[in-house]
């Protein structure tokens, strides 16, 4: 069975959950959520996570690492 190309997104919960994040962190977090749904989880490789989120600078890569540790759990 093919996966739906859409998932539910609750904007009020999103705003509440990301209110203390910078614009960059919110962008990266959203890309990680989308990738997690699309890939049925996220890769363990930090280089791949940075590629998925277009993180190039040190601050962007640090944000990826922070968000992975803060918002995602391993199964």
C-alpha atoms as a PDB file:
ATOM      1  CA  UNK A   1       0.000   0.000   0.000  1.00  0.00           C
ATOM      2  CA  UNK A   2       1.322   3.431  -0.941  1.00  0.00           C
ATOM      3  CA  UNK A   3       1.787   6.063   1.748  1.00  0.00           C
ATOM      4  CA  UNK A   4      -0.409   9.146   1.647  1.00  0.00           C
ATOM      5  CA  UNK A   5       1.393  12.245   0.305  1.00  0.00           C
ATOM      6  CA  UNK A   6      -0.052  14.257   3.206  1.00  0.00           C
ATOM      7  CA  UNK A   7      -0.104  14.204   6.989  1.00  0.00           C
ATOM      8  CA  UNK A   8      -2.064  16.123   9.597  1.00  0.00           C
ATOM      9  CA  UNK A   9      -0.481  19.343  10.750  1.00  0.00           C
ATOM     10  CA  UNK A  10      -1.876  21.141  13.773  1.00  0.00           C
ATOM     11  CA  UNK A  11      -0.748  24.739  13.399  1.00  0.00           C
ATOM     12  CA  UNK A  12      -1.722  25.797  16.940  1.00  0.00           C
ATOM     13  CA  UNK A  13       0.383  23.020  18.449  1.00  0.00           C
ATOM     14  CA  UNK A  14       3.201  23.927  16.050  1.00  0.00           C
ATOM     15  CA  UNK A  15       3.192  27.550  17.177  1.00  0.00           C
ATOM     16  CA  UNK A  16       3.136  26.546  20.842  1.00  0.00           C
ATOM     17  CA  UNK A  17       5.878  23.932  20.429  1.00  0.00           C
ATOM     18  CA  UNK A  18       8.182  26.258  18.481  1.00  0.00           C
ATOM     19  CA  UNK A  19       7.532  29.629  20.137  1.00  0.00           C
ATOM     20  CA  UNK A  20      11.006  29.783  21.690  1.00  0.00           C
ATOM     21  CA  UNK A  21      12.809  28.628  18.536  1.00  0.00           C
ATOM     22  CA  UNK A  22      14.557  30.875  16.075  1.00  0.00           C
ATOM     23  CA  UNK A  23      13.304  31.045  12.496  1.00  0.00           C
ATOM     24  CA  UNK A  24      16.245  28.857  11.441  1.00  0.00           C
ATOM     25  CA  UNK A  25      15.415  26.235  14.091  1.00  0.00           C
ATOM     26  CA  UNK A  26      11.751  26.165  13.058  1.00  0.00           C
ATOM     27  CA  UNK A  27      12.716  25.692   9.414  1.00  0.00           C
ATOM     28  CA  UNK A  28      15.094  22.851  10.239  1.00  0.00           C
ATOM     29  CA  UNK A  29      12.591  21.255  12.611  1.00  0.00           C
ATOM     30  CA  UNK A  30       9.869  21.280   9.955  1.00  0.00           C
ATOM     31  CA  UNK A  31      12.216  19.692   7.413  1.00  0.00           C
ATOM     32  CA  UNK A  32      13.100  16.991   9.954  1.00  0.00           C
ATOM     33  CA  UNK A  33       9.413  16.294  10.652  1.00  0.00           C
ATOM     34  CA  UNK A  34       8.667  15.999   6.931  1.00  0.00           C
ATOM     35  CA  UNK A  35      11.692  13.769   6.322  1.00  0.00           C
ATOM     36  CA  UNK A  36      10.784  11.592   9.295  1.00  0.00           C
ATOM     37  CA  UNK A  37       7.328  10.996   7.861  1.00  0.00           C
ATOM     38  CA  UNK A  38       8.578  10.463   4.315  1.00  0.00           C
ATOM     39  CA  UNK A  39      11.415   8.115   5.289  1.00  0.00           C
ATOM     40  CA  UNK A  40       9.588   6.337   8.142  1.00  0.00           C
ATOM     41  CA  UNK A  41      12.185   7.685  10.549  1.00  0.00           C
ATOM     42  CA  UNK A  42      15.391   9.657  10.328  1.00  0.00           C
ATOM     43  CA  UNK A  43      18.878   8.423   9.459  1.00  0.00           C
ATOM     44  CA  UNK A  44      21.476   8.177  12.249  1.00  0.00           C
ATOM     45  CA  UNK A  45      24.105   9.878  10.085  1.00  0.00           C
ATOM     46  CA  UNK A  46      24.573  13.574  10.943  1.00  0.00           C
ATOM     47  CA  UNK A  47      25.912  14.338   7.458  1.00  0.00           C
ATOM     48  CA  UNK A  48      22.739  12.932   5.938  1.00  0.00           C
ATOM     49  CA  UNK A  49      20.575  14.914   8.380  1.00  0.00           C
ATOM     50  CA  UNK A  50      22.437  18.090   7.409  1.00  0.00           C
ATOM     51  CA  UNK A  51      21.920  17.278   3.731  1.00  0.00           C
ATOM     52  CA  UNK A  52      18.191  16.727   4.295  1.00  0.00           C
ATOM     53  CA  UNK A  53      17.868  20.065   6.120  1.00  0.00           C
ATOM     54  CA  UNK A  54      20.264  22.019   3.858  1.00  0.00           C
ATOM     55  CA  UNK A  55      22.402  22.801   6.922  1.00  0.00           C
ATOM     56  CA  UNK A  56      25.783  24.146   5.831  1.00  0.00           C
ATOM     57  CA  UNK A  57      27.004  26.627   8.431  1.00  0.00           C
ATOM     58  CA  UNK A  58      28.178  25.631  11.902  1.00  0.00           C
ATOM     59  CA  UNK A  59      25.133  27.259  13.511  1.00  0.00           C
ATOM     60  CA  UNK A  60      22.782  25.358  11.190  1.00  0.00           C
ATOM     61  CA  UNK A  61      24.548  22.053  11.882  1.00  0.00           C
ATOM     62  CA  UNK A  62      24.461  22.776  15.610  1.00  0.00           C
ATOM     63  CA  UNK A  63      20.715  23.411  15.313  1.00  0.00           C
ATOM     64  CA  UNK A  64      20.211  20.059  13.564  1.00  0.00           C
ATOM     65  CA  UNK A  65      22.089  18.260  16.314  1.00  0.00           C
ATOM     66  CA  UNK A  66      20.207  20.137  19.045  1.00  0.00           C
ATOM     67  CA  UNK A  67      16.778  19.459  17.514  1.00  0.00           C
ATOM     68  CA  UNK A  68      17.507  15.775  16.929  1.00  0.00           C
ATOM     69  CA  UNK A  69      18.417  15.407  20.588  1.00  0.00           C
ATOM     70  CA  UNK A  70      15.569  17.559  21.894  1.00  0.00           C
ATOM     71  CA  UNK A  71      12.594  16.666  19.671  1.00  0.00           C
ATOM     72  CA  UNK A  72      13.182  13.143  18.328  1.00  0.00           C
ATOM     73  CA  UNK A  73      13.579   9.720  19.930  1.00  0.00           C
ATOM     74  CA  UNK A  74      15.180   6.585  18.548  1.00  0.00           C
ATOM     75  CA  UNK A  75      13.060   3.507  18.029  1.00  0.00           C
END
